[in-house]
Amino acid sequence: MIVVDDRLLFEILSGTETTDLAHRAVQGIATTFSWYYRLSRAISTGRVDGSLTREFAALTDDRRAYVDALLEDLPDAVEMLHSRDLVPPMSAVAALTSVNFLTAEAIATSLILEAPILVSTRSALMDRAASQAASSVSSSHEPKCTYENKFENIGLILKGLRRSLPGVVLAGFFPANLSRYNGLSTPTRRDASCTYE
């Protein structure tokens, strides 16, 4: 499973994804409400003023109609978590580092699904938040530099959930096997020569 941003979701739905992305998506894909909304909004405006809308406009009429239909009724194969499941871990991630809604949602989705985040363009904010939560972020258009999923601060995240949701069984928010992490491992880069921007 991978968590994809709006551009990569578009590439998958339109059939224009790279071979590498298609290979990685075989194990399943997920996205966030924010990325799904950004993609749907970009396509529905009818304007051709951004790279994503230009790519949509370049599709054949049949392919555009197909993508429109998929966006109106997102296939079940694209997993998207419910806000009731996301808000507590999003809040816990926000307690670790300064994040915006989109970043907190992506990191929380990654942690819940135990899946790396694959983005079309890296951002310093996403990288910083991922390093704090030890989620895995990489770009589909540059060398793969990812943090190992060792859940460095999962202990703090779980503590935040316990504080905000007393009496709630955390297995509903995180897979049961995450309870074994108490949060002291250090993320490592797979390729030390890669740099984060």
N, C-alpha and C. Protein backbone atom coordinates (compact mmCIF):
# COMPACT_ATOMS: atom_id res chain seq x y z
N MET A 1 0.86 -1.19 0.00
CA MET A 1 0.00 0.00 0.00
C MET A 1 0.89 1.23 0.00
N ILE A 2 0.49 2.23 -0.79
CA ILE A 2 1.15 3.54 -0.79
C ILE A 2 0.07 4.61 -0.65
N VAL A 3 0.45 5.73 -0.03
CA VAL A 3 -0.42 6.90 0.06
C VAL A 3 0.06 7.88 -0.98
N VAL A 4 -0.82 8.27 -1.92
CA VAL A 4 -0.42 9.12 -3.04
C VAL A 4 -1.06 10.50 -2.96
N ASP A 5 -0.36 11.48 -3.51
CA ASP A 5 -0.90 12.85 -3.55
C ASP A 5 -1.84 13.02 -4.75
N ASP A 6 -2.34 14.23 -4.93
CA ASP A 6 -3.33 14.50 -5.97
C ASP A 6 -2.80 14.23 -7.38
N ARG A 7 -1.58 14.65 -7.66
CA ARG A 7 -1.02 14.44 -9.01
C ARG A 7 -0.86 12.95 -9.30
N LEU A 8 -0.33 12.20 -8.35
CA LEU A 8 -0.11 10.77 -8.59
C LEU A 8 -1.44 10.02 -8.66
N LEU A 9 -2.43 10.47 -7.89
CA LEU A 9 -3.77 9.88 -8.00
C LEU A 9 -4.32 10.13 -9.41
N PHE A 10 -4.13 11.34 -9.93
CA PHE A 10 -4.55 11.64 -11.29
C PHE A 10 -3.87 10.71 -12.29
N GLU A 11 -2.56 10.54 -12.15
CA GLU A 11 -1.82 9.69 -13.08
C GLU A 11 -2.35 8.25 -13.05
N ILE A 12 -2.67 7.75 -11.86
CA ILE A 12 -3.19 6.39 -11.74
C ILE A 12 -4.58 6.29 -12.36
N LEU A 13 -5.46 7.24 -12.04
CA LEU A 13 -6.82 7.19 -12.56
C LEU A 13 -6.87 7.38 -14.08
N SER A 14 -5.95 8.18 -14.61
CA SER A 14 -5.97 8.46 -16.05
C SER A 14 -5.16 7.45 -16.85
N GLY A 15 -4.44 6.56 -16.16
CA GLY A 15 -3.64 5.57 -16.86
C GLY A 15 -2.35 6.12 -17.43
N THR A 16 -1.89 7.26 -16.91
CA THR A 16 -0.66 7.88 -17.42
C THR A 16 0.50 7.71 -16.44
N GLU A 17 0.34 6.84 -15.45
CA GLU A 17 1.39 6.66 -14.44
C GLU A 17 2.63 6.01 -15.05
N THR A 18 3.75 6.26 -14.39
CA THR A 18 5.01 5.63 -14.82
C THR A 18 4.96 4.14 -14.48
N THR A 19 5.86 3.39 -15.07
CA THR A 19 5.94 1.96 -14.79
C THR A 19 6.24 1.73 -13.30
N ASP A 20 7.13 2.56 -12.74
CA ASP A 20 7.48 2.44 -11.33
C ASP A 20 6.26 2.67 -10.44
N LEU A 21 5.49 3.72 -10.73
CA LEU A 21 4.29 4.00 -9.94
C LEU A 21 3.27 2.88 -10.10
N ALA A 22 3.08 2.38 -11.30
CA ALA A 22 2.14 1.29 -11.53
C ALA A 22 2.56 0.06 -10.73
N HIS A 23 3.85 -0.22 -10.71
CA HIS A 23 4.36 -1.37 -9.95
C HIS A 23 4.11 -1.19 -8.46
N ARG A 24 4.37 0.02 -7.94
CA ARG A 24 4.17 0.28 -6.51
C ARG A 24 2.70 0.27 -6.13
N ALA A 25 1.81 0.65 -7.06
CA ALA A 25 0.38 0.73 -6.78
C ALA A 25 -0.30 -0.64 -6.75
N VAL A 26 0.39 -1.66 -7.24
CA VAL A 26 -0.20 -3.01 -7.27
C VAL A 26 -0.59 -3.47 -5.87
N GLN A 27 0.18 -3.07 -4.87
CA GLN A 27 -0.10 -3.49 -3.49
C GLN A 27 -1.23 -2.68 -2.85
N GLY A 28 -1.77 -1.73 -3.57
CA GLY A 28 -2.88 -0.92 -3.07
C GLY A 28 -2.51 0.54 -2.96
N ILE A 29 -3.52 1.40 -3.12
CA ILE A 29 -3.28 2.84 -2.99
C ILE A 29 -4.30 3.45 -2.05
N ALA A 30 -3.86 4.51 -1.43
CA ALA A 30 -4.72 5.30 -0.56
C ALA A 30 -4.41 6.76 -0.87
N THR A 31 -5.32 7.62 -0.54
CA THR A 31 -5.09 9.06 -0.64
C THR A 31 -5.80 9.71 0.53
N THR A 32 -5.69 11.01 0.61
CA THR A 32 -6.35 11.75 1.69
C THR A 32 -7.52 12.55 1.12
N PHE A 33 -8.39 12.97 2.00
CA PHE A 33 -9.51 13.83 1.61
C PHE A 33 -8.97 15.09 0.92
N SER A 34 -7.94 15.69 1.51
CA SER A 34 -7.38 16.93 0.95
C SER A 34 -6.86 16.75 -0.47
N TRP A 35 -6.12 15.68 -0.70
CA TRP A 35 -5.59 15.45 -2.04
C TRP A 35 -6.69 15.08 -3.03
N TYR A 36 -7.66 14.31 -2.59
CA TYR A 36 -8.81 13.97 -3.44
C TYR A 36 -9.58 15.24 -3.81
N TYR A 37 -9.81 16.11 -2.84
CA TYR A 37 -10.51 17.37 -3.09
C TYR A 37 -9.71 18.26 -4.05
N ARG A 38 -8.40 18.38 -3.82
CA ARG A 38 -7.58 19.23 -4.71
C ARG A 38 -7.64 18.74 -6.15
N LEU A 39 -7.57 17.43 -6.33
CA LEU A 39 -7.65 16.88 -7.68
C LEU A 39 -9.01 17.13 -8.29
N SER A 40 -10.05 16.83 -7.57
CA SER A 40 -11.41 17.00 -8.08
C SER A 40 -11.69 18.47 -8.40
N ARG A 41 -11.26 19.37 -7.51
CA ARG A 41 -11.45 20.81 -7.74
C ARG A 41 -10.71 21.26 -8.98
N ALA A 42 -9.47 20.82 -9.15
CA ALA A 42 -8.67 21.24 -10.32
C ALA A 42 -9.33 20.80 -11.62
N ILE A 43 -9.83 19.57 -11.63
CA ILE A 43 -10.43 19.03 -12.84
C ILE A 43 -11.79 19.68 -13.14
N SER A 44 -12.56 19.94 -12.10
CA SER A 44 -13.93 20.43 -12.30
C SER A 44 -14.01 21.91 -12.68
N THR A 45 -12.94 22.67 -12.48
CA THR A 45 -13.00 24.10 -12.79
C THR A 45 -13.11 24.37 -14.28
N GLY A 46 -12.59 23.47 -15.09
CA GLY A 46 -12.62 23.69 -16.53
C GLY A 46 -11.53 24.62 -17.03
N ARG A 47 -10.79 25.23 -16.10
CA ARG A 47 -9.69 26.11 -16.49
C ARG A 47 -8.47 25.26 -16.81
N VAL A 48 -7.60 25.78 -17.62
CA VAL A 48 -6.38 25.07 -18.00
C VAL A 48 -5.20 25.97 -17.64
N ASP A 49 -5.07 26.27 -16.35
CA ASP A 49 -4.02 27.20 -15.94
C ASP A 49 -2.94 26.57 -15.07
N GLY A 50 -3.03 25.29 -14.81
CA GLY A 50 -2.02 24.60 -14.02
C GLY A 50 -1.54 23.36 -14.76
N SER A 51 -0.44 22.79 -14.29
CA SER A 51 0.11 21.63 -14.99
C SER A 51 -0.85 20.44 -14.94
N LEU A 52 -1.54 20.26 -13.83
CA LEU A 52 -2.48 19.15 -13.71
C LEU A 52 -3.67 19.32 -14.66
N THR A 53 -4.20 20.52 -14.74
CA THR A 53 -5.33 20.75 -15.64
C THR A 53 -4.91 20.69 -17.10
N ARG A 54 -3.67 21.09 -17.40
CA ARG A 54 -3.16 20.95 -18.77
C ARG A 54 -3.04 19.48 -19.15
N GLU A 55 -2.56 18.66 -18.22
CA GLU A 55 -2.46 17.22 -18.50
C GLU A 55 -3.84 16.61 -18.70
N PHE A 56 -4.82 17.06 -17.90
CA PHE A 56 -6.19 16.57 -18.06
C PHE A 56 -6.73 16.97 -19.43
N ALA A 57 -6.51 18.23 -19.81
CA ALA A 57 -7.00 18.73 -21.10
C ALA A 57 -6.35 17.99 -22.27
N ALA A 58 -5.13 17.49 -22.08
CA ALA A 58 -4.43 16.79 -23.15
C ALA A 58 -4.94 15.36 -23.36
N LEU A 59 -5.74 14.85 -22.43
CA LEU A 59 -6.29 13.50 -22.59
C LEU A 59 -7.34 13.49 -23.70
N THR A 60 -7.60 12.32 -24.26
CA THR A 60 -8.67 12.20 -25.25
C THR A 60 -10.01 12.47 -24.57
N ASP A 61 -11.04 12.78 -25.36
CA ASP A 61 -12.38 13.03 -24.80
C ASP A 61 -12.86 11.84 -23.98
N ASP A 62 -12.67 10.64 -24.49
CA ASP A 62 -13.09 9.43 -23.77
C ASP A 62 -12.37 9.28 -22.44
N ARG A 63 -11.07 9.54 -22.47
CA ARG A 63 -10.27 9.39 -21.24
C ARG A 63 -10.66 10.45 -20.22
N ARG A 64 -10.93 11.70 -20.67
CA ARG A 64 -11.38 12.75 -19.74
C ARG A 64 -12.71 12.37 -19.10
N ALA A 65 -13.63 11.83 -19.91
CA ALA A 65 -14.93 11.40 -19.37
C ALA A 65 -14.75 10.27 -18.36
N TYR A 66 -13.81 9.38 -18.63
CA TYR A 66 -13.53 8.27 -17.73
C TYR A 66 -12.98 8.78 -16.40
N VAL A 67 -12.02 9.70 -16.45
CA VAL A 67 -11.44 10.27 -15.22
C VAL A 67 -12.51 11.04 -14.45
N ASP A 68 -13.34 11.82 -15.16
CA ASP A 68 -14.45 12.53 -14.49
C ASP A 68 -15.35 11.56 -13.73
N ALA A 69 -15.70 10.46 -14.37
CA ALA A 69 -16.57 9.46 -13.75
C ALA A 69 -15.90 8.85 -12.51
N LEU A 70 -14.60 8.58 -12.61
CA LEU A 70 -13.89 8.02 -11.46
C LEU A 70 -13.82 9.01 -10.30
N LEU A 71 -13.68 10.30 -10.62
CA LEU A 71 -13.61 11.30 -9.56
C LEU A 71 -14.98 11.52 -8.91
N GLU A 72 -16.05 11.35 -9.68
CA GLU A 72 -17.39 11.47 -9.11
C GLU A 72 -17.72 10.32 -8.18
N ASP A 73 -17.16 9.16 -8.47
CA ASP A 73 -17.40 7.97 -7.65
C ASP A 73 -16.08 7.22 -7.52
N LEU A 74 -15.25 7.71 -6.58
CA LEU A 74 -13.91 7.16 -6.42
C LEU A 74 -13.98 5.65 -6.21
N PRO A 75 -13.20 4.89 -6.96
CA PRO A 75 -13.23 3.43 -6.84
C PRO A 75 -12.88 2.96 -5.42
N ASP A 76 -13.51 1.88 -5.00
CA ASP A 76 -13.23 1.31 -3.68
C ASP A 76 -11.77 0.91 -3.53
N ALA A 77 -11.11 0.66 -4.65
CA ALA A 77 -9.70 0.28 -4.61
C ALA A 77 -8.81 1.41 -4.10
N VAL A 78 -9.31 2.65 -4.12
CA VAL A 78 -8.57 3.78 -3.57
C VAL A 78 -9.06 4.00 -2.15
N GLU A 79 -8.21 3.65 -1.19
CA GLU A 79 -8.62 3.76 0.21
C GLU A 79 -8.50 5.19 0.68
N MET A 80 -9.52 5.62 1.43
CA MET A 80 -9.51 6.95 2.02
C MET A 80 -10.11 6.81 3.41
N LEU A 81 -9.35 7.19 4.43
CA LEU A 81 -9.78 7.00 5.80
C LEU A 81 -10.82 8.04 6.21
N HIS A 82 -11.63 7.69 7.18
CA HIS A 82 -12.67 8.58 7.70
C HIS A 82 -12.07 9.57 8.68
N SER A 83 -12.62 10.75 8.72
CA SER A 83 -12.10 11.80 9.60
C SER A 83 -12.16 11.39 11.08
N ARG A 84 -13.11 10.57 11.47
CA ARG A 84 -13.19 10.13 12.87
C ARG A 84 -11.96 9.32 13.26
N ASP A 85 -11.39 8.63 12.29
CA ASP A 85 -10.18 7.86 12.55
C ASP A 85 -8.93 8.73 12.45
N LEU A 86 -9.00 9.78 11.65
CA LEU A 86 -7.81 10.59 11.38
C LEU A 86 -7.56 11.71 12.37
N VAL A 87 -8.61 12.33 12.89
CA VAL A 87 -8.41 13.52 13.72
C VAL A 87 -7.56 13.27 14.96
N PRO A 88 -7.78 12.21 15.73
CA PRO A 88 -6.91 12.03 16.90
C PRO A 88 -5.42 11.88 16.55
N PRO A 89 -5.04 11.01 15.58
CA PRO A 89 -3.61 10.96 15.27
C PRO A 89 -3.11 12.23 14.58
N MET A 90 -3.96 12.93 13.84
CA MET A 90 -3.55 14.21 13.25
C MET A 90 -3.20 15.19 14.36
N SER A 91 -4.01 15.23 15.40
CA SER A 91 -3.75 16.12 16.53
C SER A 91 -2.47 15.74 17.24
N ALA A 92 -2.23 14.43 17.37
CA ALA A 92 -1.00 13.97 18.02
C ALA A 92 0.22 14.34 17.19
N VAL A 93 0.12 14.22 15.87
CA VAL A 93 1.23 14.62 14.99
C VAL A 93 1.48 16.12 15.14
N ALA A 94 0.41 16.90 15.20
CA ALA A 94 0.54 18.36 15.35
C ALA A 94 1.20 18.73 16.67
N ALA A 95 1.05 17.87 17.69
CA ALA A 95 1.71 18.12 18.97
C ALA A 95 3.22 17.91 18.87
N LEU A 96 3.67 17.11 17.90
CA LEU A 96 5.09 16.84 17.73
C LEU A 96 5.80 17.93 16.93
N THR A 97 5.12 18.49 15.95
CA THR A 97 5.75 19.46 15.06
C THR A 97 4.67 20.34 14.43
N SER A 98 5.07 21.51 13.98
CA SER A 98 4.13 22.42 13.34
C SER A 98 3.76 21.90 11.95
N VAL A 99 2.48 21.65 11.73
CA VAL A 99 2.00 21.13 10.46
C VAL A 99 0.72 21.83 10.03
N ASN A 100 0.46 21.82 8.73
CA ASN A 100 -0.83 22.28 8.25
C ASN A 100 -1.77 21.07 8.15
N PHE A 101 -3.01 21.31 7.80
CA PHE A 101 -4.01 20.24 7.75
C PHE A 101 -3.61 19.15 6.77
N LEU A 102 -3.21 19.55 5.57
CA LEU A 102 -2.86 18.57 4.54
C LEU A 102 -1.73 17.66 4.99
N THR A 103 -0.71 18.23 5.60
CA THR A 103 0.44 17.44 6.06
C THR A 103 0.05 16.52 7.21
N ALA A 104 -0.68 17.04 8.18
CA ALA A 104 -1.11 16.21 9.31
C ALA A 104 -1.96 15.05 8.84
N GLU A 105 -2.84 15.31 7.88
CA GLU A 105 -3.70 14.25 7.35
C GLU A 105 -2.89 13.18 6.62
N ALA A 106 -1.91 13.60 5.83
CA ALA A 106 -1.08 12.64 5.10
C ALA A 106 -0.26 11.78 6.07
N ILE A 107 0.36 12.41 7.06
CA ILE A 107 1.19 11.67 8.02
C ILE A 107 0.32 10.71 8.82
N ALA A 108 -0.83 11.15 9.29
CA ALA A 108 -1.72 10.28 10.06
C ALA A 108 -2.19 9.10 9.22
N THR A 109 -2.53 9.35 7.96
CA THR A 109 -2.94 8.27 7.06
C THR A 109 -1.81 7.26 6.89
N SER A 110 -0.60 7.77 6.71
CA SER A 110 0.57 6.90 6.56
C SER A 110 0.78 6.03 7.80
N LEU A 111 0.65 6.63 8.97
CA LEU A 111 0.85 5.88 10.21
C LEU A 111 -0.23 4.82 10.42
N ILE A 112 -1.47 5.20 10.19
CA ILE A 112 -2.57 4.25 10.40
C ILE A 112 -2.45 3.07 9.44
N LEU A 113 -2.16 3.34 8.19
CA LEU A 113 -2.08 2.28 7.18
C LEU A 113 -0.72 1.59 7.13
N GLU A 114 0.24 2.13 7.90
CA GLU A 114 1.62 1.63 7.84
C GLU A 114 2.11 1.61 6.40
N ALA A 115 1.88 2.72 5.70
CA ALA A 115 2.20 2.82 4.28
C ALA A 115 3.04 4.07 4.03
N PRO A 116 4.00 3.99 3.12
CA PRO A 116 4.78 5.19 2.79
C PRO A 116 3.94 6.18 1.99
N ILE A 117 4.30 7.44 2.11
CA ILE A 117 3.67 8.50 1.32
C ILE A 117 4.52 8.71 0.08
N LEU A 118 3.89 8.70 -1.08
CA LEU A 118 4.59 8.95 -2.34
C LEU A 118 4.01 10.24 -2.92
N VAL A 119 4.87 11.24 -3.11
CA VAL A 119 4.42 12.54 -3.60
C VAL A 119 5.11 12.87 -4.91
N SER A 120 4.49 13.74 -5.68
CA SER A 120 5.08 14.17 -6.94
C SER A 120 6.14 15.24 -6.71
N THR A 121 5.99 16.04 -5.67
CA THR A 121 6.95 17.09 -5.33
C THR A 121 7.17 17.09 -3.83
N ARG A 122 8.41 17.07 -3.42
CA ARG A 122 8.74 17.07 -1.99
C ARG A 122 8.51 18.45 -1.40
N SER A 123 8.23 18.50 -0.11
CA SER A 123 8.13 19.77 0.59
C SER A 123 8.86 19.65 1.92
N ALA A 124 9.48 20.74 2.33
CA ALA A 124 10.21 20.75 3.60
C ALA A 124 9.28 20.45 4.77
N LEU A 125 8.07 20.99 4.72
CA LEU A 125 7.11 20.77 5.80
C LEU A 125 6.77 19.28 5.93
N MET A 126 6.49 18.62 4.81
CA MET A 126 6.15 17.20 4.85
C MET A 126 7.35 16.38 5.32
N ASP A 127 8.54 16.71 4.83
CA ASP A 127 9.75 15.98 5.25
C ASP A 127 9.99 16.12 6.75
N ARG A 128 9.84 17.34 7.26
CA ARG A 128 10.07 17.57 8.69
C ARG A 128 9.06 16.81 9.53
N ALA A 129 7.80 16.87 9.16
CA ALA A 129 6.76 16.15 9.91
C ALA A 129 6.97 14.64 9.83
N ALA A 130 7.34 14.16 8.66
CA ALA A 130 7.58 12.72 8.49
C ALA A 130 8.75 12.26 9.35
N SER A 131 9.79 13.10 9.44
CA SER A 131 10.94 12.69 10.25
C SER A 131 10.56 12.66 11.73
N GLN A 132 9.69 13.55 12.17
CA GLN A 132 9.25 13.56 13.56
C GLN A 132 8.39 12.34 13.88
N ALA A 133 7.52 11.97 12.96
CA ALA A 133 6.62 10.83 13.19
C ALA A 133 7.21 9.54 12.63
N ALA A 134 8.35 9.65 11.94
CA ALA A 134 9.02 8.52 11.30
C ALA A 134 8.11 7.82 10.31
N SER A 135 7.33 8.61 9.62
CA SER A 135 6.56 8.10 8.50
C SER A 135 7.50 8.14 7.30
N SER A 136 7.10 7.52 6.24
CA SER A 136 7.98 7.40 5.08
C SER A 136 7.46 8.26 3.93
N VAL A 137 8.28 9.19 3.43
CA VAL A 137 7.90 10.05 2.32
C VAL A 137 8.95 9.96 1.24
N SER A 138 8.52 9.79 0.00
CA SER A 138 9.45 9.85 -1.12
C SER A 138 8.74 10.47 -2.30
N SER A 139 9.52 10.90 -3.25
CA SER A 139 8.98 11.53 -4.44
C SER A 139 9.07 10.56 -5.60
N SER A 140 8.08 10.60 -6.46
CA SER A 140 8.11 9.72 -7.63
C SER A 140 9.00 10.27 -8.73
N HIS A 141 9.47 11.51 -8.59
CA HIS A 141 10.22 12.16 -9.66
C HIS A 141 11.64 12.54 -9.26
N GLU A 142 12.19 11.90 -8.23
CA GLU A 142 13.56 12.17 -7.82
C GLU A 142 14.11 10.93 -7.13
N PRO A 143 15.40 10.89 -6.80
CA PRO A 143 15.93 9.71 -6.12
C PRO A 143 15.13 9.42 -4.85
N LYS A 144 14.93 8.15 -4.58
CA LYS A 144 14.13 7.76 -3.43
C LYS A 144 14.93 7.90 -2.14
N CYS A 145 14.59 8.87 -1.34
CA CYS A 145 15.16 9.03 0.00
C CYS A 145 13.99 8.90 0.95
N THR A 146 13.94 7.85 1.71
CA THR A 146 12.82 7.66 2.61
C THR A 146 13.31 7.30 4.00
N TYR A 147 12.48 7.62 4.96
CA TYR A 147 12.76 7.17 6.31
C TYR A 147 12.23 5.77 6.46
N GLU A 148 12.97 4.93 7.18
CA GLU A 148 12.48 3.59 7.47
C GLU A 148 11.28 3.75 8.40
N ASN A 149 10.29 2.88 8.24
CA ASN A 149 9.11 2.93 9.10
C ASN A 149 9.41 2.31 10.45
N LYS A 150 10.13 3.04 11.29
CA LYS A 150 10.42 2.55 12.63
C LYS A 150 9.56 3.26 13.67
N PHE A 151 8.71 4.18 13.22
CA PHE A 151 7.78 4.86 14.11
C PHE A 151 8.48 5.46 15.32
N GLU A 152 9.45 6.30 15.06
CA GLU A 152 10.29 6.89 16.09
C GLU A 152 9.48 7.49 17.24
N ASN A 153 8.47 8.24 16.94
CA ASN A 153 7.72 8.93 17.99
C ASN A 153 6.33 8.36 18.20
N ILE A 154 6.14 7.09 17.87
CA ILE A 154 4.82 6.50 18.02
C ILE A 154 4.37 6.53 19.47
N GLY A 155 5.33 6.42 20.41
CA GLY A 155 4.98 6.49 21.83
C GLY A 155 4.33 7.82 22.16
N LEU A 156 4.88 8.92 21.65
CA LEU A 156 4.28 10.24 21.89
C LEU A 156 2.93 10.37 21.21
N ILE A 157 2.81 9.80 20.03
CA ILE A 157 1.53 9.86 19.33
C ILE A 157 0.48 9.08 20.09
N LEU A 158 0.82 7.88 20.53
CA LEU A 158 -0.14 7.08 21.30
C LEU A 158 -0.49 7.75 22.62
N LYS A 159 0.52 8.38 23.27
CA LYS A 159 0.26 9.09 24.51
C LYS A 159 -0.72 10.24 24.26
N GLY A 160 -0.53 10.94 23.14
CA GLY A 160 -1.45 12.02 22.79
C GLY A 160 -2.86 11.52 22.56
N LEU A 161 -2.98 10.36 21.94
CA LEU A 161 -4.31 9.79 21.73
C LEU A 161 -4.95 9.39 23.05
N ARG A 162 -4.17 8.80 23.94
CA ARG A 162 -4.72 8.40 25.24
C ARG A 162 -5.21 9.62 26.01
N ARG A 163 -4.43 10.71 25.94
CA ARG A 163 -4.81 11.93 26.66
C ARG A 163 -6.08 12.53 26.07
N SER A 164 -6.20 12.53 24.74
CA SER A 164 -7.36 13.15 24.11
C SER A 164 -8.58 12.24 24.08
N LEU A 165 -8.36 10.93 24.20
CA LEU A 165 -9.46 9.97 24.13
C LEU A 165 -9.39 8.97 25.28
N PRO A 166 -9.56 9.42 26.53
CA PRO A 166 -9.44 8.49 27.64
C PRO A 166 -10.45 7.36 27.52
N GLY A 167 -9.98 6.17 27.79
CA GLY A 167 -10.87 5.00 27.78
C GLY A 167 -11.10 4.40 26.40
N VAL A 168 -10.56 5.01 25.34
CA VAL A 168 -10.77 4.49 24.00
C VAL A 168 -9.69 3.45 23.69
N VAL A 169 -10.09 2.34 23.12
CA VAL A 169 -9.12 1.32 22.73
C VAL A 169 -8.41 1.80 21.47
N LEU A 170 -7.09 1.91 21.55
CA LEU A 170 -6.32 2.48 20.45
C LEU A 170 -6.23 1.57 19.25
N ALA A 171 -6.56 0.32 19.39
CA ALA A 171 -6.49 -0.57 18.23
C ALA A 171 -7.41 -0.09 17.12
N GLY A 172 -8.42 0.68 17.44
CA GLY A 172 -9.31 1.22 16.42
C GLY A 172 -8.64 2.29 15.58
N PHE A 173 -7.56 2.89 16.11
CA PHE A 173 -6.88 3.95 15.38
C PHE A 173 -5.60 3.48 14.72
N PHE A 174 -4.93 2.54 15.33
CA PHE A 174 -3.68 2.02 14.79
C PHE A 174 -3.77 0.52 14.73
N PRO A 175 -3.13 -0.09 13.75
CA PRO A 175 -3.10 -1.55 13.72
C PRO A 175 -2.53 -2.08 15.03
N ALA A 176 -3.03 -3.20 15.48
CA ALA A 176 -2.65 -3.76 16.77
C ALA A 176 -1.15 -3.93 16.92
N ASN A 177 -0.44 -4.24 15.82
CA ASN A 177 0.98 -4.48 15.96
C ASN A 177 1.79 -3.22 16.23
N LEU A 178 1.20 -2.02 16.11
CA LEU A 178 1.93 -0.80 16.44
C LEU A 178 2.10 -0.63 17.93
N SER A 179 1.30 -1.33 18.73
CA SER A 179 1.39 -1.17 20.18
C SER A 179 2.75 -1.62 20.72
N ARG A 180 3.52 -2.39 19.94
CA ARG A 180 4.82 -2.85 20.40
C ARG A 180 5.89 -1.76 20.32
N TYR A 181 5.62 -0.67 19.59
CA TYR A 181 6.60 0.40 19.45
C TYR A 181 6.49 1.35 20.62
N ASN A 182 7.60 1.59 21.32
CA ASN A 182 7.56 2.55 22.41
C ASN A 182 8.34 3.81 22.09
N GLY A 183 8.90 3.88 20.89
CA GLY A 183 9.36 5.15 20.38
C GLY A 183 10.75 5.62 20.68
N LEU A 184 11.78 4.84 20.52
CA LEU A 184 13.12 5.36 20.70
C LEU A 184 14.04 5.09 19.52
N SER A 185 13.54 4.43 18.50
CA SER A 185 14.41 4.12 17.36
C SER A 185 14.61 5.34 16.49
N THR A 186 15.73 5.39 15.80
CA THR A 186 16.07 6.53 14.97
C THR A 186 15.86 6.21 13.50
N PRO A 187 15.19 7.11 12.76
CA PRO A 187 15.01 6.84 11.34
C PRO A 187 16.35 6.91 10.63
N THR A 188 16.52 6.09 9.60
CA THR A 188 17.75 6.10 8.84
C THR A 188 17.43 6.30 7.37
N ARG A 189 18.32 6.91 6.64
CA ARG A 189 18.12 7.09 5.20
C ARG A 189 18.66 5.88 4.48
N ARG A 190 17.94 5.45 3.47
CA ARG A 190 18.40 4.32 2.67
C ARG A 190 19.56 4.72 1.79
N ASP A 191 19.60 5.99 1.38
CA ASP A 191 20.68 6.45 0.52
C ASP A 191 21.22 7.75 1.11
N ALA A 192 22.34 7.68 1.78
CA ALA A 192 22.87 8.83 2.52
C ALA A 192 23.26 9.98 1.60
N SER A 193 23.40 9.73 0.30
CA SER A 193 23.80 10.80 -0.60
C SER A 193 22.63 11.68 -1.04
N CYS A 194 21.42 11.25 -0.76
CA CYS A 194 20.25 12.05 -1.14
C CYS A 194 20.10 13.21 -0.17
N THR A 195 19.59 14.32 -0.66
CA THR A 195 19.39 15.48 0.21
C THR A 195 17.93 15.86 0.21
N TYR A 196 17.50 16.42 1.32
CA TYR A 196 16.13 16.89 1.45
C TYR A 196 16.11 18.39 1.21
N GLU A 197 15.14 18.86 0.45
CA GLU A 197 15.05 20.29 0.16
C GLU A 197 14.02 20.93 1.05
